[in-house]
Each structure stands twice: as structure tokens, then as C-alpha cells.
Amino acid sequence: MNKPVLLAAVGDVNNVRTWSGIPYHLLTAARDAGVMHEGLALDPEPPFRQLSRYVWNLGSLLRGNGKGGYQFSDAFLQRMWAPQQSRLEGTRVINCFQLYPLAMLRNSSIEKWFYIDQTLQHYLGDYGLGANISRRSAQEIYRRETYGYQQAVGIITHSHWAAESIVADYGVAADKVHVVVPGANLSTTAYSEWAAQRPVRATDSTRPLRLVFVGKEPIRKGLDRLIRALQLARKAGAECELRVIGCAPELLPADLRSVKGVEWLGFISKQQHAKRYLDAVASCDVGCLLSQAEAGGICLREFHALGLAVIAPAVGGSPDHALADGAHLVSPTASDNEIATLIARLSRDRAAVNILRNVSWARRHEVLWSHSVNQLKALWS
């Protein structure tokens, strides 16, 4: 008899707001394919959480470990998972977080898997989020992370970059580690209806090249670099514009908030205003992400799904998220002038842009969650 398959993350995976919607869209596609049965609603903020955090930090200080890192502690994980314990016996659990409670790791009746975008060494180091965690506490976190990977039946990562870290940094056998790149976080119904009605469009060379940025973290994701490069390209005579979706100009330095050629659309809900979002992105020519630290970049999958050419960062797991023949990779150390040169070249050579766009549209099914779920199904079968 097949085991019930449960999906988990920090929070309720049935809520599209949890972890940028990745587990929600995975669960939706996996249910449709009969690969998963249920999503767990873990509560990271149970009653008295603040008191628990205070007590934990005090104990950590008294032990000489400093404070910070409660959300990675076994105490936090035990409290979050406790209400679900009775239903986990005999199930297969897919955890989108890098840690399980120790009690679960010691329970042999639960078949434990991971599906993660990066390791905690990457997360706390590359993303700079470990600054408030003492070295001693970080080492203890990594020890529990390593133990979890060792006890798991398998670890699935979003990229080869993350998979290589599991093997090299944590000593996990390579045959336990698998790569399944996630899909675009788009409503299956809305996207299918939209794609069925969309004619294949070539770039309109009679108007400026339209770039688009989608994201809520403009500095880490390189919007500042993109706007500066746009300014340089336009100054050199390139006809190009930029549409920004997801963040407000106030999140950028003052000199980048009112730049000519930049259109700010703000946040557009992919659920409540799906068609508006799809049209706003797809009416552009080139989707842009210039992160200097990036585990993946789901927006790259969306750009390809909507038939755009792509400018992607050559960093972290992003190269796996972009279709090689439909994208230009940009180094995280690339100068504004180098990025401007690329934009200007694409602005002049619309045939090259159309080649990239045609690749994206022809291979759009490869960047959807249904494709990722088929890979998971093959792995588990």
C-alpha cells in the first residue's frame, strides 16, 4: 500500500503566501498528478511564541552561545510540528525547510525527504542572514542539518549548485541527492486560458525594447544595477524602457526613483488579478534578474513561460532556472557599463531578441510545475 505523501514548510503550504507560493503551487500540481495527498499547516507562531523565544535566547546566552537563531532551534521546530505528530506515522513527508525536529528524525516510521532551494550554509552565509547568530550556534545548526540529510531517504534540490553543496559541504552520498528545478508560480487555470488565446508575438522593432523586473527585494535582486544600466544605454542612444512590478521606488536610493524610461506598476496579485499580471509581463520583451546572491529565481521560470527573452544572473542556482538557449547570463560582478552594453545590443538587434523569445515559447512547458512534478513522480516510482 502506498504511503500518504505530505508536503511541509515553515507555515501553511495551503496558503499561497507561504514561501513565495512555491509549496502551494507544487502541492496544487502534485495533487493533480496524484503524487501528493495533503499539505500540512504548520504554525510558526504558536501561542506564547515570543515568551518561548525570550526563554530560548536567555538560555543560549547563559550557555555562552549568544542570542539569535531561534527559528533554527530544535525547540522552535518541536513546537511547530507538535500538533501534527499524530498524523505523521507511516507517511512520506516532503520538507521544504532544511531542518526537521530531532524527534522526527529518530522516528523510523516516517519516510523523510527534503525539497530545498539552498543549504543553510548558503542561506546564512551568502544571503548574510547569519550575522546575528554566533559561530558556535551556527555550527550546532549545521550539525543538526547534516544529521537530517543523513537520516533522510533523499534530498531534492532546486539546482545543481545546491546539490553540490549537500555533497561537498555536508558529506552526503551523491546518490541520495537529486535535482528538480521548480516551476513558474502561475495559476494553472489562468495560465492555460491565457496561453491558449495568445498568438506568437515577435518583438515590435518600431517601439523601444521593453525590459521587465519582477520582485520585492530590489537591491539583492539587482534592480539598482538594472536602472543604472538602463540610464547608460539610453544615454548612448539605445531605445529601451523598463517596467517594474512588485516593489515601490521608495525602496531604492533617491537618485533611482524617478528615472526616465522606468514605469512603476507596484504589486499585482497573481491570484486576484492573474490576467492583468500575465499581460503586464508578457507585453514586454526581456525579463531581467540581476541578483548578486540567488538560490534560484522563480521569476525566470515565469519569464520563459510567458515567452520572454531573459537576462539572468550567473550566480547560485539561477543558471538552472533559466533556459540556456533563451537567456543571457550576467556575472554578479558585471559593471553597469557591461550590462548597459548588453541592453543596447538587444535594443538594436531585435532578431536576436526574437530568437530568445521563440525558444522560451517553444519550451514553455519545461518551466511549468507540471513538468517538475513529472520528474518527482519518476524519482519516487
Protein backbone atom coordinates (compact mmCIF):
# COMPACT_ATOMS: atom_id res chain seq x y z
CA MET A 1 0.00 0.00 0.00
CA ASN A 2 1.39 3.40 -0.97
CA LYS A 3 2.23 5.78 1.84
CA PRO A 4 0.32 9.05 2.13
CA VAL A 5 2.59 11.85 0.89
CA LEU A 6 2.55 15.08 2.90
CA LEU A 7 4.17 18.40 1.97
CA ALA A 8 5.50 20.74 4.65
CA ALA A 9 7.25 24.09 5.03
CA VAL A 10 7.56 26.72 7.73
CA GLY A 11 3.94 27.85 7.65
CA ASP A 12 0.80 26.62 5.91
CA VAL A 13 1.65 25.20 2.47
CA ASN A 14 -2.04 25.55 1.56
CA ASN A 15 -1.57 29.32 1.71
CA VAL A 16 -0.13 30.89 -1.44
CA ARG A 17 1.72 33.47 0.67
CA THR A 18 3.92 30.82 2.31
CA TRP A 19 7.49 30.87 0.94
CA SER A 20 6.58 32.96 -2.12
CA GLY A 21 3.95 30.41 -3.15
CA ILE A 22 6.44 27.67 -4.05
CA PRO A 23 4.94 24.89 -1.86
CA TYR A 24 1.39 25.98 -2.73
CA HIS A 25 1.94 25.67 -6.47
CA LEU A 26 3.92 22.45 -6.03
CA LEU A 27 1.11 20.94 -3.96
CA THR A 28 -1.55 22.02 -6.46
CA ALA A 29 0.28 20.41 -9.40
CA ALA A 30 1.26 17.33 -7.39
CA ARG A 31 -2.32 16.71 -6.27
CA ASP A 32 -3.49 16.93 -9.87
CA ALA A 33 -0.89 14.31 -10.82
CA GLY A 34 -1.68 12.06 -7.84
CA VAL A 35 1.83 12.48 -6.44
CA MET A 36 0.93 14.16 -3.12
CA HIS A 37 -2.06 13.86 -0.85
CA GLU A 38 -2.03 16.73 1.60
CA GLY A 39 -0.27 19.91 2.65
CA LEU A 40 0.48 20.49 6.32
CA ALA A 41 -0.50 23.71 8.05
CA LEU A 42 2.44 24.24 10.41
CA ASP A 43 2.12 27.27 12.65
CA PRO A 44 5.43 29.10 13.15
CA GLU A 45 3.77 31.50 15.58
CA PRO A 46 2.01 29.35 18.19
CA PRO A 47 0.71 30.88 21.45
CA PHE A 48 3.44 32.28 23.69
CA ARG A 49 5.96 32.23 20.84
CA GLN A 50 7.56 35.47 21.98
CA LEU A 51 7.93 34.12 25.51
CA SER A 52 9.44 30.91 24.11
CA ARG A 53 11.89 32.92 22.03
CA TYR A 54 12.85 35.04 25.04
CA VAL A 55 13.43 31.98 27.24
CA TRP A 56 15.43 30.26 24.50
CA ASN A 57 17.62 33.32 23.88
CA LEU A 58 18.26 33.69 27.61
CA GLY A 59 19.29 30.05 27.87
CA SER A 60 21.52 30.42 24.81
CA LEU A 61 23.24 33.43 26.37
CA LEU A 62 23.80 31.59 29.64
CA ARG A 63 25.36 28.68 27.73
CA GLY A 64 27.75 31.08 26.02
CA ASN A 65 26.20 30.68 22.58
CA GLY A 66 24.98 34.24 22.22
CA LYS A 67 21.44 35.02 21.03
CA GLY A 68 19.87 34.67 17.61
CA GLY A 69 18.82 31.65 15.58
CA TYR A 70 15.70 30.64 17.49
CA GLN A 71 13.87 29.88 14.22
CA PHE A 72 16.50 27.21 13.52
CA SER A 73 16.45 25.70 17.01
CA ASP A 74 15.06 22.27 17.81
CA ALA A 75 12.82 23.89 20.42
CA PHE A 76 11.15 26.01 17.75
CA LEU A 77 10.81 23.09 15.35
CA GLN A 78 9.33 20.80 18.01
CA ARG A 79 6.68 23.39 18.91
CA MET A 80 5.80 23.99 15.25
CA TRP A 81 5.50 20.30 14.35
CA ALA A 82 3.93 19.06 17.63
CA PRO A 83 0.25 19.47 16.59
CA GLN A 84 0.89 17.28 13.50
CA GLN A 85 2.80 14.43 15.17
CA SER A 86 -0.12 12.01 15.49
CA ARG A 87 -0.83 12.03 11.75
CA LEU A 88 2.77 11.52 10.58
CA GLU A 89 3.17 7.82 11.42
CA GLY A 90 3.62 5.75 8.29
CA THR A 91 3.72 8.72 5.90
CA ARG A 92 6.22 10.15 3.44
CA VAL A 93 6.95 13.77 4.35
CA ILE A 94 8.50 16.24 1.91
CA ASN A 95 10.01 19.13 3.88
CA CYS A 96 10.75 22.43 2.10
CA PHE A 97 12.77 23.60 5.12
CA GLN A 98 16.34 22.46 5.82
CA LEU A 99 15.61 21.10 9.32
CA TYR A 100 13.34 18.53 10.95
CA PRO A 101 12.77 18.23 14.70
CA LEU A 102 15.18 15.67 16.14
CA ALA A 103 12.27 13.53 17.37
CA MET A 104 11.02 13.16 13.79
CA LEU A 105 14.46 12.25 12.53
CA ARG A 106 14.58 9.42 15.08
CA ASN A 107 11.13 8.12 14.09
CA SER A 108 11.79 5.37 11.55
CA SER A 109 8.11 5.05 10.62
CA ILE A 110 8.23 8.41 8.83
CA GLU A 111 9.88 8.43 5.40
CA LYS A 112 11.65 11.79 5.33
CA TRP A 113 12.60 13.82 2.24
CA PHE A 114 13.77 17.36 1.62
CA TYR A 115 12.94 19.68 -1.26
CA ILE A 116 15.09 22.79 -0.76
CA ASP A 117 16.47 25.71 -2.76
CA GLN A 118 19.75 26.01 -0.82
CA THR A 119 21.57 24.76 2.26
CA LEU A 120 21.70 26.74 5.49
CA GLN A 121 25.40 27.38 4.90
CA HIS A 122 24.37 29.21 1.74
CA TYR A 123 21.37 30.87 3.37
CA LEU A 124 23.16 32.18 6.44
CA GLY A 125 26.38 32.94 4.59
CA ASP A 126 25.66 34.08 1.03
CA TYR A 127 22.47 35.89 1.98
CA GLY A 128 24.12 37.50 5.00
CA LEU A 129 21.34 36.35 7.33
CA GLY A 130 23.62 34.72 9.86
CA ALA A 131 25.18 37.95 11.13
CA ASN A 132 23.27 37.80 14.43
CA ILE A 133 23.99 34.11 15.02
CA SER A 134 27.16 33.21 16.90
CA ARG A 135 29.67 30.90 15.25
CA ARG A 136 29.04 28.33 17.95
CA SER A 137 25.28 28.38 17.37
CA ALA A 138 25.76 28.23 13.59
CA GLN A 139 27.93 25.13 13.93
CA GLU A 140 25.25 23.46 16.05
CA ILE A 141 22.63 24.31 13.40
CA TYR A 142 24.81 22.82 10.67
CA ARG A 143 25.32 19.65 12.73
CA ARG A 144 21.55 19.12 13.01
CA GLU A 145 21.14 19.97 9.33
CA THR A 146 23.77 17.36 8.42
CA TYR A 147 22.11 14.76 10.65
CA GLY A 148 18.78 15.45 8.93
CA TYR A 149 20.23 14.93 5.47
CA GLN A 150 21.85 11.71 6.63
CA GLN A 151 18.59 10.37 8.07
CA ALA A 152 16.51 11.35 5.04
CA VAL A 153 15.73 8.89 2.27
CA GLY A 154 16.54 11.57 -0.27
CA ILE A 155 17.31 15.25 -0.70
CA ILE A 156 15.87 17.03 -3.73
CA THR A 157 17.29 20.42 -4.57
CA HIS A 158 16.18 23.22 -6.90
CA SER A 159 19.58 23.38 -8.62
CA HIS A 160 22.89 21.64 -9.16
CA TRP A 161 24.52 24.44 -7.16
CA ALA A 162 22.53 23.41 -4.07
CA ALA A 163 23.06 19.70 -4.76
CA GLU A 164 26.82 20.19 -4.93
CA SER A 165 26.76 21.86 -1.50
CA ILE A 166 24.84 18.92 0.01
CA VAL A 167 27.54 16.53 -1.15
CA ALA A 168 30.66 18.69 -0.67
CA ASP A 169 29.76 20.63 2.49
CA TYR A 170 27.67 18.03 4.32
CA GLY A 171 29.26 14.75 3.21
CA VAL A 172 26.03 13.23 1.88
CA ALA A 173 26.33 10.42 -0.67
CA ALA A 174 25.71 11.76 -4.19
CA ASP A 175 23.17 9.04 -4.99
CA LYS A 176 20.85 10.42 -2.29
CA VAL A 177 20.78 13.88 -3.88
CA HIS A 178 18.52 14.76 -6.82
CA VAL A 179 17.80 17.95 -8.77
CA VAL A 180 14.30 19.05 -9.77
CA VAL A 181 14.04 22.68 -10.81
CA PRO A 182 10.73 24.22 -9.64
CA GLY A 183 8.11 25.58 -11.99
CA ALA A 184 6.67 29.02 -12.58
CA ASN A 185 4.37 30.15 -9.77
CA LEU A 186 1.39 30.82 -12.02
CA SER A 187 -2.21 29.68 -11.66
CA THR A 188 -2.59 26.61 -13.87
CA THR A 189 -6.10 27.56 -14.98
CA ALA A 190 -5.34 31.23 -15.61
CA TYR A 191 -2.12 30.43 -17.47
CA SER A 192 -3.72 27.73 -19.64
CA GLU A 193 -6.56 30.06 -20.65
CA TRP A 194 -4.14 32.91 -21.31
CA ALA A 195 -1.69 30.78 -23.36
CA ALA A 196 -4.47 29.30 -25.48
CA GLN A 197 -5.56 32.79 -26.56
CA ARG A 198 -2.09 34.28 -27.03
CA PRO A 199 -0.73 34.48 -30.56
CA VAL A 200 3.01 34.08 -31.01
CA ARG A 201 4.32 37.63 -30.96
CA ALA A 202 7.54 38.97 -32.36
CA THR A 203 9.26 41.94 -30.79
CA ASP A 204 7.92 45.19 -32.25
CA SER A 205 11.01 46.93 -33.59
CA THR A 206 9.07 50.18 -34.10
CA ARG A 207 8.95 50.81 -30.37
CA PRO A 208 11.58 50.81 -27.60
CA LEU A 209 12.80 47.47 -26.25
CA ARG A 210 10.74 46.73 -23.16
CA LEU A 211 12.51 45.26 -20.16
CA VAL A 212 10.62 43.99 -17.10
CA PHE A 213 11.68 43.35 -13.50
CA VAL A 214 9.51 41.43 -11.03
CA GLY A 215 10.43 41.23 -7.33
CA LYS A 216 10.07 42.60 -3.82
CA GLU A 217 13.78 42.80 -2.96
CA PRO A 218 15.13 45.38 -5.41
CA ILE A 219 18.68 45.66 -4.07
CA ARG A 220 19.51 41.94 -3.66
CA LYS A 221 17.83 41.18 -6.99
CA GLY A 222 19.76 43.90 -8.80
CA LEU A 223 17.09 46.43 -9.75
CA ASP A 224 19.50 49.23 -8.86
CA ARG A 225 22.09 47.80 -11.28
CA LEU A 226 19.41 47.42 -13.97
CA ILE A 227 18.20 51.01 -13.68
CA ARG A 228 21.73 52.41 -13.77
CA ALA A 229 22.49 50.28 -16.84
CA LEU A 230 19.26 51.44 -18.48
CA GLN A 231 20.31 55.05 -17.96
CA LEU A 232 23.69 54.41 -19.58
CA ALA A 233 22.14 52.53 -22.52
CA ARG A 234 19.63 55.30 -23.19
CA LYS A 235 22.35 57.93 -22.90
CA ALA A 236 24.28 56.03 -25.58
CA GLY A 237 21.25 56.16 -27.88
CA ALA A 238 19.55 52.83 -27.17
CA GLU A 239 15.76 52.86 -27.33
CA CYS A 240 14.70 50.93 -24.24
CA GLU A 241 12.26 51.12 -21.34
CA LEU A 242 11.84 49.28 -18.04
CA ARG A 243 8.66 48.13 -16.31
CA VAL A 244 8.94 47.36 -12.57
CA ILE A 245 6.40 45.06 -10.88
CA GLY A 246 6.30 44.14 -7.21
CA CYS A 247 8.13 46.92 -5.41
CA ALA A 248 7.88 50.67 -4.88
CA PRO A 249 10.50 53.26 -5.91
CA GLU A 250 10.92 54.24 -2.25
CA LEU A 251 12.89 51.02 -1.69
CA LEU A 252 15.69 52.34 -3.91
CA PRO A 253 18.21 55.16 -3.46
CA ALA A 254 16.70 58.59 -4.15
CA ASP A 255 18.60 59.08 -7.42
CA LEU A 256 16.98 55.93 -8.92
CA ARG A 257 13.36 56.66 -8.04
CA SER A 258 12.43 59.00 -10.89
CA VAL A 259 14.47 57.83 -13.84
CA LYS A 260 13.14 58.47 -17.34
CA GLY A 261 12.01 55.32 -19.11
CA VAL A 262 11.11 53.47 -15.89
CA GLU A 263 7.45 52.57 -15.27
CA TRP A 264 6.40 51.52 -11.76
CA LEU A 265 3.33 49.26 -11.64
CA GLY A 266 3.61 48.21 -7.99
CA PHE A 267 2.32 44.87 -6.70
CA ILE A 268 -0.07 42.87 -8.89
CA SER A 269 -1.66 39.79 -7.30
CA LYS A 270 -1.15 36.67 -9.41
CA GLN A 271 -4.26 35.16 -7.81
CA GLN A 272 -6.76 38.03 -7.71
CA HIS A 273 -5.57 39.73 -10.91
CA ALA A 274 -3.96 36.83 -12.80
CA LYS A 275 -4.71 38.02 -16.33
CA ARG A 276 -3.53 41.54 -15.56
CA TYR A 277 -0.26 40.14 -14.23
CA LEU A 278 0.25 37.83 -17.21
CA ASP A 279 -0.48 40.61 -19.70
CA ALA A 280 1.74 43.12 -17.86
CA VAL A 281 4.75 40.82 -18.04
CA ALA A 282 4.11 39.25 -21.44
CA SER A 283 3.70 42.61 -23.18
CA CYS A 284 7.41 43.20 -22.51
CA ASP A 285 10.33 41.74 -24.44
CA VAL A 286 13.03 40.83 -21.93
CA GLY A 287 12.62 39.64 -18.34
CA CYS A 288 15.50 40.76 -16.12
CA LEU A 289 17.01 39.50 -12.88
CA LEU A 290 20.48 40.66 -11.82
CA SER A 291 20.83 39.22 -8.33
CA GLN A 292 24.20 39.16 -6.62
CA ALA A 293 23.00 36.30 -4.38
CA GLU A 294 20.25 34.00 -5.61
CA ALA A 295 19.21 30.43 -4.79
CA GLY A 296 17.06 30.21 -7.89
CA GLY A 297 14.81 32.92 -9.24
CA ILE A 298 11.24 31.74 -9.85
CA CYS A 299 10.61 34.89 -11.91
CA LEU A 300 12.99 33.45 -14.53
CA ARG A 301 10.64 30.48 -14.94
CA GLU A 302 7.73 32.89 -15.30
CA PHE A 303 9.53 34.99 -17.92
CA HIS A 304 10.17 31.89 -20.02
CA ALA A 305 6.59 30.65 -19.55
CA LEU A 306 5.34 33.97 -20.90
CA GLY A 307 7.56 33.86 -23.95
CA LEU A 308 10.15 36.47 -23.00
CA ALA A 309 13.84 36.64 -23.67
CA VAL A 310 15.70 36.53 -20.35
CA ILE A 311 18.64 38.25 -18.69
CA ALA A 312 19.60 36.08 -15.70
CA PRO A 313 22.35 36.20 -13.05
CA ALA A 314 25.21 33.74 -13.34
CA VAL A 315 25.09 33.10 -9.60
CA GLY A 316 23.83 30.39 -7.25
CA GLY A 317 21.03 28.26 -8.67
CA SER A 318 19.84 30.81 -11.24
CA PRO A 319 21.55 29.24 -14.28
CA ASP A 320 19.43 26.10 -13.76
CA HIS A 321 16.26 28.22 -13.61
CA ALA A 322 16.95 29.82 -16.99
CA LEU A 323 16.70 28.05 -20.34
CA ALA A 324 20.23 28.24 -21.70
CA ASP A 325 19.17 28.93 -25.30
CA GLY A 326 16.64 31.55 -24.23
CA ALA A 327 18.74 33.64 -21.87
CA HIS A 328 21.85 35.76 -21.43
CA LEU A 329 23.71 35.12 -18.16
CA VAL A 330 25.28 38.12 -16.43
CA SER A 331 28.04 37.85 -13.84
CA PRO A 332 27.26 39.23 -10.36
CA THR A 333 30.44 41.28 -10.75
CA ALA A 334 29.45 42.73 -14.14
CA SER A 335 29.74 46.51 -14.25
CA ASP A 336 26.86 48.84 -15.08
CA ASN A 337 28.59 49.57 -18.40
CA GLU A 338 28.74 45.86 -19.29
CA ILE A 339 25.04 45.42 -18.55
CA ALA A 340 24.25 48.60 -20.50
CA THR A 341 26.18 47.23 -23.49
CA LEU A 342 24.06 44.06 -23.45
CA ILE A 343 20.82 46.05 -23.24
CA ALA A 344 21.90 48.33 -26.08
CA ARG A 345 22.86 45.35 -28.25
CA LEU A 346 19.46 43.71 -27.71
CA SER A 347 17.76 47.01 -28.44
CA ARG A 348 19.50 47.20 -31.82
CA ASP A 349 19.24 43.51 -32.71
CA ARG A 350 15.57 42.59 -32.46
CA ALA A 351 16.13 39.43 -34.48
CA ALA A 352 18.34 38.14 -31.66
CA VAL A 353 15.63 39.01 -29.13
CA ASN A 354 13.07 37.11 -31.20
CA ILE A 355 15.29 34.02 -31.28
CA LEU A 356 15.43 34.02 -27.48
CA ARG A 357 11.67 34.62 -27.22
CA ASN A 358 10.91 31.80 -29.64
CA VAL A 359 12.99 29.41 -27.54
CA SER A 360 11.07 30.43 -24.40
CA TRP A 361 7.69 29.97 -26.06
CA ALA A 362 8.57 26.68 -27.73
CA ARG A 363 9.86 25.23 -24.45
CA ARG A 364 7.37 26.85 -22.09
CA HIS A 365 6.05 23.50 -20.85
CA GLU A 366 9.50 22.72 -19.41
CA VAL A 367 9.25 25.62 -16.94
CA LEU A 368 5.83 24.75 -15.50
CA TRP A 369 5.16 22.90 -12.25
CA SER A 370 3.53 20.02 -14.17
CA HIS A 371 6.95 19.25 -15.68
CA SER A 372 8.66 19.40 -12.28
CA VAL A 373 6.03 17.12 -10.75
CA ASN A 374 6.53 14.57 -13.53
CA GLN A 375 10.21 14.48 -12.58
CA LEU A 376 9.29 13.94 -8.91
CA LYS A 377 6.88 11.18 -9.92
CA ALA A 378 9.60 9.42 -11.91
CA LEU A 379 12.00 9.77 -8.99
CA TRP A 380 9.59 8.24 -6.47
CA SER A 381 8.41 5.49 -8.77
